[in-house]
PDB file of N, CA and C in Angstrom:
ATOM      1  N   MET A   1      24.212 -15.952 -48.157  1.00  0.00           N
ATOM      2  CA  MET A   1      23.034 -17.073 -47.773  1.00  0.00           C
ATOM      3  C   MET A   1      21.843 -16.173 -47.211  1.00  0.00           C
ATOM      4  N   THR A   2      20.577 -16.671 -48.150  1.00  0.00           N
ATOM      5  CA  THR A   2      19.435 -16.240 -47.472  1.00  0.00           C
ATOM      6  C   THR A   2      18.689 -16.894 -46.747  1.00  0.00           C
ATOM      7  N   ALA A   3      18.047 -15.995 -45.750  1.00  0.00           N
ATOM      8  CA  ALA A   3      16.984 -17.049 -44.994  1.00  0.00           C
ATOM      9  C   ALA A   3      15.449 -16.666 -45.314  1.00  0.00           C
ATOM     10  N   ILE A   4      14.815 -17.958 -45.168  1.00  0.00           N
ATOM     11  CA  ILE A   4      13.097 -17.387 -45.453  1.00  0.00           C
ATOM     12  C   ILE A   4      12.193 -17.682 -44.210  1.00  0.00           C
ATOM     13  N   SER A   5      11.856 -16.613 -44.048  1.00  0.00           N
ATOM     14  CA  SER A   5      11.115 -16.411 -42.488  1.00  0.00           C
ATOM     15  C   SER A   5       9.861 -17.379 -42.680  1.00  0.00           C
ATOM     16  N   HIS A   6       9.343 -17.990 -41.614  1.00  0.00           N
ATOM     17  CA  HIS A   6       8.180 -18.870 -41.627  1.00  0.00           C
ATOM     18  C   HIS A   6       6.963 -18.007 -41.126  1.00  0.00           C
ATOM     19  N   GLU A   7       5.858 -18.352 -41.777  1.00  0.00           N
ATOM     20  CA  GLU A   7       4.713 -17.863 -41.565  1.00  0.00           C
ATOM     21  C   GLU A   7       4.241 -18.168 -40.159  1.00  0.00           C
ATOM     22  N   PRO A   8       3.633 -17.238 -39.381  1.00  0.00           N
ATOM     23  CA  PRO A   8       2.861 -17.758 -37.828  1.00  0.00           C
ATOM     24  C   PRO A   8       2.228 -19.069 -38.138  1.00  0.00           C
ATOM     25  N   SER A   9       2.220 -19.744 -37.090  1.00  0.00           N
ATOM     26  CA  SER A   9       1.579 -20.746 -36.966  1.00  0.00           C
ATOM     27  C   SER A   9       0.113 -20.338 -36.690  1.00  0.00           C
ATOM     28  N   ASP A  10      -0.838 -21.381 -37.214  1.00  0.00           N
ATOM     29  CA  ASP A  10      -2.232 -21.276 -37.161  1.00  0.00           C
ATOM     30  C   ASP A  10      -2.584 -21.910 -35.400  1.00  0.00           C
ATOM     31  N   ALA A  11      -1.821 -22.836 -35.072  1.00  0.00           N
ATOM     32  CA  ALA A  11      -2.095 -23.315 -33.813  1.00  0.00           C
ATOM     33  C   ALA A  11      -2.159 -22.158 -32.478  1.00  0.00           C
ATOM     34  N   VAL A  12      -3.245 -22.441 -31.868  1.00  0.00           N
ATOM     35  CA  VAL A  12      -3.289 -21.595 -30.810  1.00  0.00           C
ATOM     36  C   VAL A  12      -2.773 -22.211 -29.580  1.00  0.00           C
ATOM     37  N   SER A  13      -2.088 -21.401 -28.604  1.00  0.00           N
ATOM     38  CA  SER A  13      -1.573 -21.859 -27.457  1.00  0.00           C
ATOM     39  C   SER A  13      -2.698 -22.308 -26.279  1.00  0.00           C
ATOM     40  N   PRO A  14      -2.166 -23.036 -25.271  1.00  0.00           N
ATOM     41  CA  PRO A  14      -3.339 -23.574 -24.558  1.00  0.00           C
ATOM     42  C   PRO A  14      -3.637 -22.057 -23.321  1.00  0.00           C
ATOM     43  N   ARG A  15      -2.595 -21.477 -23.066  1.00  0.00           N
ATOM     44  CA  ARG A  15      -2.914 -20.272 -22.664  1.00  0.00           C
ATOM     45  C   ARG A  15      -3.494 -19.277 -23.096  1.00  0.00           C
ATOM     46  N   ARG A  16      -3.480 -19.126 -24.575  1.00  0.00           N
ATOM     47  CA  ARG A  16      -4.355 -18.152 -25.451  1.00  0.00           C
ATOM     48  C   ARG A  16      -5.675 -18.740 -25.346  1.00  0.00           C
ATOM     49  N   ARG A  17      -5.936 -20.028 -25.457  1.00  0.00           N
ATOM     50  CA  ARG A  17      -6.997 -20.545 -25.587  1.00  0.00           C
ATOM     51  C   ARG A  17      -7.910 -20.315 -24.467  1.00  0.00           C
ATOM     52  N   SER A  18      -7.402 -20.358 -23.312  1.00  0.00           N
ATOM     53  CA  SER A  18      -8.226 -20.149 -22.113  1.00  0.00           C
ATOM     54  C   SER A  18      -8.571 -19.143 -21.789  1.00  0.00           C
ATOM     55  N   LEU A  19      -7.491 -18.204 -22.204  1.00  0.00           N
ATOM     56  CA  LEU A  19      -7.985 -16.396 -22.205  1.00  0.00           C
ATOM     57  C   LEU A  19      -9.091 -16.267 -23.196  1.00  0.00           C
ATOM     58  N   MET A  20      -9.276 -16.766 -24.053  1.00  0.00           N
ATOM     59  CA  MET A  20     -10.362 -16.569 -25.248  1.00  0.00           C
ATOM     60  C   MET A  20     -11.490 -17.249 -24.885  1.00  0.00           C
ATOM     61  N   ARG A  21     -11.639 -18.174 -23.995  1.00  0.00           N
ATOM     62  CA  ARG A  21     -12.657 -18.736 -22.797  1.00  0.00           C
ATOM     63  C   ARG A  21     -12.982 -17.723 -21.998  1.00  0.00           C
ATOM     64  N   ILE A  22     -12.059 -17.175 -21.416  1.00  0.00           N
ATOM     65  CA  ILE A  22     -12.667 -16.157 -20.492  1.00  0.00           C
ATOM     66  C   ILE A  22     -13.397 -14.798 -20.928  1.00  0.00           C
ATOM     67  N   LEU A  23     -12.651 -14.434 -21.949  1.00  0.00           N
ATOM     68  CA  LEU A  23     -13.195 -13.117 -22.515  1.00  0.00           C
ATOM     69  C   LEU A  23     -14.429 -13.174 -23.284  1.00  0.00           C
ATOM     70  N   VAL A  24     -15.129 -14.574 -23.258  1.00  0.00           N
ATOM     71  CA  VAL A  24     -16.590 -14.800 -23.897  1.00  0.00           C
ATOM     72  C   VAL A  24     -17.712 -14.025 -23.527  1.00  0.00           C
ATOM     73  N   PRO A  25     -18.070 -13.021 -24.369  1.00  0.00           N
ATOM     74  CA  PRO A  25     -19.085 -12.103 -24.012  1.00  0.00           C
ATOM     75  C   PRO A  25     -20.560 -12.503 -23.347  1.00  0.00           C
ATOM     76  N   GLU A  26     -20.767 -13.730 -23.776  1.00  0.00           N
ATOM     77  CA  GLU A  26     -21.893 -14.519 -23.405  1.00  0.00           C
ATOM     78  C   GLU A  26     -21.973 -14.823 -21.865  1.00  0.00           C
ATOM     79  N   MET A  27     -20.768 -15.089 -21.384  1.00  0.00           N
ATOM     80  CA  MET A  27     -20.542 -15.730 -20.050  1.00  0.00           C
ATOM     81  C   MET A  27     -20.915 -14.178 -19.402  1.00  0.00           C
ATOM     82  N   TRP A  28     -20.247 -13.095 -19.465  1.00  0.00           N
ATOM     83  CA  TRP A  28     -20.423 -11.909 -18.794  1.00  0.00           C
ATOM     84  C   TRP A  28     -21.950 -11.330 -18.807  1.00  0.00           C
ATOM     85  N   ALA A  29     -22.422 -11.652 -19.900  1.00  0.00           N
ATOM     86  CA  ALA A  29     -24.005 -11.318 -20.096  1.00  0.00           C
ATOM     87  C   ALA A  29     -24.596 -12.057 -19.088  1.00  0.00           C
ATOM     88  N   SER A  30     -24.723 -13.292 -19.282  1.00  0.00           N
ATOM     89  CA  SER A  30     -25.070 -14.462 -18.045  1.00  0.00           C
ATOM     90  C   SER A  30     -24.857 -13.881 -16.759  1.00  0.00           C
ATOM     91  N   LEU A  31     -23.543 -13.903 -16.352  1.00  0.00           N
ATOM     92  CA  LEU A  31     -23.192 -13.296 -14.940  1.00  0.00           C
ATOM     93  C   LEU A  31     -23.982 -12.152 -14.394  1.00  0.00           C
ATOM     94  N   ALA A  32     -24.069 -11.283 -15.291  1.00  0.00           N
ATOM     95  CA  ALA A  32     -24.612  -9.949 -15.186  1.00  0.00           C
ATOM     96  C   ALA A  32     -26.298 -10.235 -15.067  1.00  0.00           C
ATOM     97  N   ILE A  33     -26.941 -10.780 -15.442  1.00  0.00           N
ATOM     98  CA  ILE A  33     -28.285 -11.405 -15.403  1.00  0.00           C
ATOM     99  C   ILE A  33     -28.711 -12.265 -14.166  1.00  0.00           C
ATOM    100  N   ALA A  34     -27.587 -13.335 -13.935  1.00  0.00           N
ATOM    101  CA  ALA A  34     -27.749 -13.898 -12.445  1.00  0.00           C
ATOM    102  C   ALA A  34     -27.562 -12.610 -11.567  1.00  0.00           C
ATOM    103  N   VAL A  35     -26.597 -11.978 -11.749  1.00  0.00           N
ATOM    104  CA  VAL A  35     -26.210 -10.842 -10.414  1.00  0.00           C
ATOM    105  C   VAL A  35     -27.853  -9.948 -10.209  1.00  0.00           C
ATOM    106  N   MET A  36     -28.341  -9.482 -11.059  1.00  0.00           N
ATOM    107  CA  MET A  36     -29.591  -8.771 -11.109  1.00  0.00           C
ATOM    108  C   MET A  36     -30.625  -9.348 -10.390  1.00  0.00           C
ATOM    109  N   TRP A  37     -30.672 -10.872 -10.617  1.00  0.00           N
ATOM    110  CA  TRP A  37     -31.757 -11.233 -10.069  1.00  0.00           C
ATOM    111  C   TRP A  37     -31.425 -12.052  -8.850  1.00  0.00           C
ATOM    112  N   LEU A  38     -30.362 -12.442  -8.353  1.00  0.00           N
ATOM    113  CA  LEU A  38     -29.856 -12.457  -6.811  1.00  0.00           C
ATOM    114  C   LEU A  38     -30.040 -10.980  -6.284  1.00  0.00           C
ATOM    115  N   ALA A  39     -30.154 -10.011  -6.778  1.00  0.00           N
ATOM    116  CA  ALA A  39     -30.059  -9.007  -5.904  1.00  0.00           C
ATOM    117  C   ALA A  39     -31.758  -8.741  -5.685  1.00  0.00           C
ATOM    118  N   VAL A  40     -32.667  -9.264  -6.689  1.00  0.00           N
ATOM    119  CA  VAL A  40     -34.041  -9.250  -6.246  1.00  0.00           C
ATOM    120  C   VAL A  40     -34.272  -9.929  -5.444  1.00  0.00           C
ATOM    121  N   LEU A  41     -33.840 -11.158  -5.447  1.00  0.00           N
ATOM    122  CA  LEU A  41     -34.218 -12.332  -4.209  1.00  0.00           C
ATOM    123  C   LEU A  41     -33.303 -11.892  -3.025  1.00  0.00           C
ATOM    124  N   PHE A  42     -32.402 -10.987  -2.671  1.00  0.00           N
ATOM    125  CA  PHE A  42     -32.047 -10.767  -1.396  1.00  0.00           C
ATOM    126  C   PHE A  42     -32.628  -9.738  -1.024  1.00  0.00           C
ATOM    127  N   ASP A  43     -33.320  -8.756  -1.903  1.00  0.00           N
ATOM    128  CA  ASP A  43     -34.235  -7.788  -1.631  1.00  0.00           C
ATOM    129  C   ASP A  43     -35.634  -8.176  -1.054  1.00  0.00           C
ATOM    130  N   ALA A  44     -35.786  -9.137  -1.896  1.00  0.00           N
ATOM    131  CA  ALA A  44     -37.509 -10.019  -1.432  1.00  0.00           C
ATOM    132  C   ALA A  44     -37.238 -10.444   0.204  1.00  0.00           C
ATOM    133  N   LEU A  45     -36.113 -11.092   0.463  1.00  0.00           N
ATOM    134  CA  LEU A  45     -35.926 -11.707   1.722  1.00  0.00           C
ATOM    135  C   LEU A  45     -35.508 -10.689   2.499  1.00  0.00           C
ATOM    136  N   PHE A  46     -34.795  -9.711   2.557  1.00  0.00           N
ATOM    137  CA  PHE A  46     -34.084  -8.814   3.667  1.00  0.00           C
ATOM    138  C   PHE A  46     -34.559  -7.467   3.178  1.00  0.00           C
ATOM    139  N   GLY A  47     -35.012  -6.928   2.193  1.00  0.00           N
ATOM    140  CA  GLY A  47     -35.270  -5.676   1.937  1.00  0.00           C
ATOM    141  C   GLY A  47     -36.609  -4.933   2.752  1.00  0.00           C
ATOM    142  N   PRO A  48     -36.899  -3.911   2.998  1.00  0.00           N
ATOM    143  CA  PRO A  48     -37.917  -3.408   3.515  1.00  0.00           C
ATOM    144  C   PRO A  48     -39.206  -3.078   2.457  1.00  0.00           C
ATOM    145  N   ASP A  49     -40.486  -2.571   3.152  1.00  0.00           N
ATOM    146  CA  ASP A  49     -41.705  -2.743   2.407  1.00  0.00           C
ATOM    147  C   ASP A  49     -41.709  -1.071   1.925  1.00  0.00           C
ATOM    148  N   ILE A  50     -42.540  -0.913   0.960  1.00  0.00           N
ATOM    149  CA  ILE A  50     -42.775   0.559   0.607  1.00  0.00           C
ATOM    150  C   ILE A  50     -44.133   0.765   1.358  1.00  0.00           C
ATOM    151  N   VAL A  51     -44.190   1.400   2.106  1.00  0.00           N
ATOM    152  CA  VAL A  51     -45.273   1.805   3.031  1.00  0.00           C
ATOM    153  C   VAL A  51     -46.097   2.952   2.872  1.00  0.00           C
ATOM    154  N   SER A  52     -47.293   2.871   2.407  1.00  0.00           N
ATOM    155  CA  SER A  52     -48.030   4.185   1.820  1.00  0.00           C
ATOM    156  C   SER A  52     -49.135   4.175   2.921  1.00  0.00           C
ATOM    157  N   SER A  53     -49.668   5.106   3.701  1.00  0.00           N
ATOM    158  CA  SER A  53     -50.687   5.451   4.313  1.00  0.00           C
ATOM    159  C   SER A  53     -51.504   6.713   4.211  1.00  0.00           C
ATOM    160  N   ASN A  54     -52.754   6.504   4.273  1.00  0.00           N
ATOM    161  CA  ASN A  54     -53.708   7.800   4.061  1.00  0.00           C
ATOM    162  C   ASN A  54     -54.504   7.674   5.241  1.00  0.00           C
ATOM    163  N   VAL A  55     -55.427   8.438   5.178  1.00  0.00           N
ATOM    164  CA  VAL A  55     -56.558   8.454   6.233  1.00  0.00           C
ATOM    165  C   VAL A  55     -57.264   7.091   6.434  1.00  0.00           C
ATOM    166  N   THR A  56     -57.834   6.525   5.479  1.00  0.00           N
ATOM    167  CA  THR A  56     -58.501   5.257   5.553  1.00  0.00           C
ATOM    168  C   THR A  56     -57.691   4.244   5.536  1.00  0.00           C
ATOM    169  N   THR A  57     -56.768   4.030   4.423  1.00  0.00           N
ATOM    170  CA  THR A  57     -55.935   2.977   3.808  1.00  0.00           C
ATOM    171  C   THR A  57     -54.598   2.987   4.536  1.00  0.00           C
ATOM    172  N   PHE A  58     -54.022   1.510   4.597  1.00  0.00           N
ATOM    173  CA  PHE A  58     -52.565   1.527   4.714  1.00  0.00           C
ATOM    174  C   PHE A  58     -52.274   0.534   3.729  1.00  0.00           C
ATOM    175  N   THR A  59     -51.242   0.654   2.842  1.00  0.00           N
ATOM    176  CA  THR A  59     -50.785  -0.245   1.960  1.00  0.00           C
ATOM    177  C   THR A  59     -49.292  -0.210   1.964  1.00  0.00           C
ATOM    178  N   ARG A  60     -49.114  -1.672   1.973  1.00  0.00           N
ATOM    179  CA  ARG A  60     -47.769  -2.250   1.908  1.00  0.00           C
ATOM    180  C   ARG A  60     -47.284  -3.050   0.732  1.00  0.00           C
ATOM    181  N   VAL A  61     -46.516  -2.653  -0.134  1.00  0.00           N
ATOM    182  CA  VAL A  61     -45.699  -3.272  -1.301  1.00  0.00           C
ATOM    183  C   VAL A  61     -44.336  -3.596  -1.101  1.00  0.00           C
ATOM    184  N   PRO A  62     -44.028  -4.840  -1.112  1.00  0.00           N
ATOM    185  CA  PRO A  62     -42.452  -5.394  -1.030  1.00  0.00           C
ATOM    186  C   PRO A  62     -41.852  -4.391  -2.037  1.00  0.00           C
ATOM    187  N   SER A  63     -40.706  -4.112  -1.627  1.00  0.00           N
ATOM    188  CA  SER A  63     -39.743  -3.001  -2.572  1.00  0.00           C
ATOM    189  C   SER A  63     -39.138  -4.108  -3.740  1.00  0.00           C
ATOM    190  N   ALA A  64     -39.245  -5.517  -3.539  1.00  0.00           N
ATOM    191  CA  ALA A  64     -38.720  -6.170  -4.778  1.00  0.00           C
ATOM    192  C   ALA A  64     -39.675  -6.144  -5.657  1.00  0.00           C
ATOM    193  N   VAL A  65     -40.966  -5.942  -5.558  1.00  0.00           N
ATOM    194  CA  VAL A  65     -41.738  -5.748  -6.898  1.00  0.00           C
ATOM    195  C   VAL A  65     -41.244  -4.574  -7.739  1.00  0.00           C
ATOM    196  N   VAL A  66     -40.666  -3.727  -7.278  1.00  0.00           N
ATOM    197  CA  VAL A  66     -40.230  -2.370  -7.950  1.00  0.00           C
ATOM    198  C   VAL A  66     -38.838  -2.788  -8.806  1.00  0.00           C
ATOM    199  N   ILE A  67     -37.985  -3.376  -7.873  1.00  0.00           N
ATOM    200  CA  ILE A  67     -36.691  -3.857  -8.030  1.00  0.00           C
ATOM    201  C   ILE A  67     -36.626  -5.181  -9.449  1.00  0.00           C
ATOM    202  N   ALA A  68     -37.683  -5.909  -9.050  1.00  0.00           N
ATOM    203  CA  ALA A  68     -38.060  -6.646 -10.431  1.00  0.00           C
ATOM    204  C   ALA A  68     -38.422  -6.221 -11.381  1.00  0.00           C
ATOM    205  N   PHE A  69     -39.073  -5.476 -11.523  1.00  0.00           N
ATOM    206  CA  PHE A  69     -39.797  -4.672 -12.677  1.00  0.00           C
ATOM    207  C   PHE A  69     -38.381  -3.923 -13.380  1.00  0.00           C
ATOM    208  N   PHE A  70     -37.401  -3.411 -12.865  1.00  0.00           N
ATOM    209  CA  PHE A  70     -36.456  -2.930 -13.338  1.00  0.00           C
ATOM    210  C   PHE A  70     -35.088  -3.965 -13.777  1.00  0.00           C
ATOM    211  N   ALA A  71     -35.431  -5.099 -13.263  1.00  0.00           N
ATOM    212  CA  ALA A  71     -34.277  -5.991 -13.403  1.00  0.00           C
ATOM    213  C   ALA A  71     -34.873  -7.116 -14.674  1.00  0.00           C
ATOM    214  N   TYR A  72     -36.179  -6.813 -14.788  1.00  0.00           N
ATOM    215  CA  TYR A  72     -36.791  -7.487 -16.068  1.00  0.00           C
ATOM    216  C   TYR A  72     -36.180  -6.570 -17.085  1.00  0.00           C
ATOM    217  N   LEU A  73     -36.396  -5.311 -17.105  1.00  0.00           N
ATOM    218  CA  LEU A  73     -35.973  -4.554 -18.175  1.00  0.00           C
ATOM    219  C   LEU A  73     -34.777  -4.471 -18.486  1.00  0.00           C
ATOM    220  N   ALA A  74     -33.512  -4.442 -17.535  1.00  0.00           N
ATOM    221  CA  ALA A  74     -32.101  -4.790 -17.901  1.00  0.00           C
ATOM    222  C   ALA A  74     -31.868  -5.871 -18.227  1.00  0.00           C
ATOM    223  N   THR A  75     -32.697  -6.936 -17.599  1.00  0.00           N
ATOM    224  CA  THR A  75     -32.508  -8.408 -18.481  1.00  0.00           C
ATOM    225  C   THR A  75     -32.732  -8.503 -20.252  1.00  0.00           C
ATOM    226  N   ARG A  76     -33.589  -7.709 -20.264  1.00  0.00           N
ATOM    227  CA  ARG A  76     -34.166  -7.737 -22.010  1.00  0.00           C
ATOM    228  C   ARG A  76     -32.755  -7.079 -22.714  1.00  0.00           C
ATOM    229  N   VAL A  77     -32.293  -5.882 -21.953  1.00  0.00           N
ATOM    230  CA  VAL A  77     -31.350  -4.963 -22.663  1.00  0.00           C
ATOM    231  C   VAL A  77     -29.808  -5.826 -22.808  1.00  0.00           C
ATOM    232  N   VAL A  78     -29.584  -6.403 -21.533  1.00  0.00           N
ATOM    233  CA  VAL A  78     -28.178  -7.214 -21.447  1.00  0.00           C
ATOM    234  C   VAL A  78     -28.327  -8.601 -22.367  1.00  0.00           C
ATOM    235  N   SER A  79     -29.751  -9.030 -22.556  1.00  0.00           N
ATOM    236  CA  SER A  79     -29.503 -10.216 -23.282  1.00  0.00           C
ATOM    237  C   SER A  79     -29.784 -10.005 -24.671  1.00  0.00           C
ATOM    238  N   ARG A  80     -30.175  -8.849 -25.166  1.00  0.00           N
ATOM    239  CA  ARG A  80     -30.125  -8.635 -26.629  1.00  0.00           C
ATOM    240  C   ARG A  80     -28.844  -8.217 -27.204  1.00  0.00           C
ATOM    241  N   TYR A  81     -27.994  -7.246 -26.143  1.00  0.00           N
ATOM    242  CA  TYR A  81     -26.874  -6.978 -26.512  1.00  0.00           C
ATOM    243  C   TYR A  81     -25.383  -7.764 -26.323  1.00  0.00           C
ATOM    244  N   GLY A  82     -25.637  -8.717 -25.076  1.00  0.00           N
ATOM    245  CA  GLY A  82     -24.734  -9.574 -24.667  1.00  0.00           C
ATOM    246  C   GLY A  82     -24.856 -11.032 -25.127  1.00  0.00           C
ATOM    247  N   LEU A  83     -26.062 -11.619 -25.536  1.00  0.00           N
ATOM    248  CA  LEU A  83     -26.142 -12.872 -26.189  1.00  0.00           C
ATOM    249  C   LEU A  83     -26.743 -12.875 -27.334  1.00  0.00           C
ATOM    250  N   GLY A  84     -27.122 -11.739 -28.000  1.00  0.00           N
ATOM    251  CA  GLY A  84     -27.805 -11.755 -29.136  1.00  0.00           C
ATOM    252  C   GLY A  84     -26.433 -11.731 -30.270  1.00  0.00           C
ATOM    253  N   ARG A  85     -26.651 -12.588 -31.311  1.00  0.00           N
ATOM    254  CA  ARG A  85     -25.507 -12.502 -32.411  1.00  0.00           C
ATOM    255  C   ARG A  85     -25.712 -11.268 -33.544  1.00  0.00           C
ATOM    256  N   SER A  86     -24.596 -10.911 -33.904  1.00  0.00           N
ATOM    257  CA  SER A  86     -24.474  -9.970 -34.417  1.00  0.00           C
ATOM    258  C   SER A  86     -25.276 -10.342 -35.838  1.00  0.00           C
ATOM    259  N   ARG A  87     -25.680  -9.173 -36.491  1.00  0.00           N
ATOM    260  CA  ARG A  87     -25.902  -9.549 -38.222  1.00  0.00           C
ATOM    261  C   ARG A  87     -25.099  -9.797 -38.982  1.00  0.00           C
ATOM    262  N   LYS A  88     -24.004  -9.364 -38.803  1.00  0.00           N
ATOM    263  CA  LYS A  88     -22.587  -9.676 -39.663  1.00  0.00           C
ATOM    264  C   LYS A  88     -22.066 -10.890 -39.532  1.00  0.00           C
ATOM    265  N   ASP A  89     -22.469 -11.801 -38.288  1.00  0.00           N
ATOM    266  CA  ASP A  89     -21.872 -13.020 -38.190  1.00  0.00           C
ATOM    267  C   ASP A  89     -22.810 -14.074 -39.520  1.00  0.00           C
ATOM    268  N   PRO A  90     -21.409 -14.753 -40.057  1.00  0.00           N
ATOM    269  CA  PRO A  90     -21.891 -15.770 -41.061  1.00  0.00           C
ATOM    270  C   PRO A  90     -22.788 -16.911 -40.302  1.00  0.00           C
ATOM    271  N   ASP A  91     -22.594 -17.217 -39.075  1.00  0.00           N
ATOM    272  CA  ASP A  91     -23.063 -18.397 -38.504  1.00  0.00           C
ATOM    273  C   ASP A  91     -24.400 -18.344 -38.428  1.00  0.00           C
TER     274      ASP A  91
END
């Protein structure tokens, strides 16, 4: 007597479906961008100022200005690679 093996089912289990939702790269990229800008916010509220003094001038710049510049650059990089679609995708 011979037995015929069945091909694997195309149905995805609920556990596997939830795991696929967790591993979505767009979610992690969005979370990274949100955390970067929250760091800028908390630095603006509680962070020190950059103080520069000369003989005649005294300058204070919030450190959040510098951090915001780098957060902007990082946001562009993360959004390009984390949120951008690959050119090979048919969608």
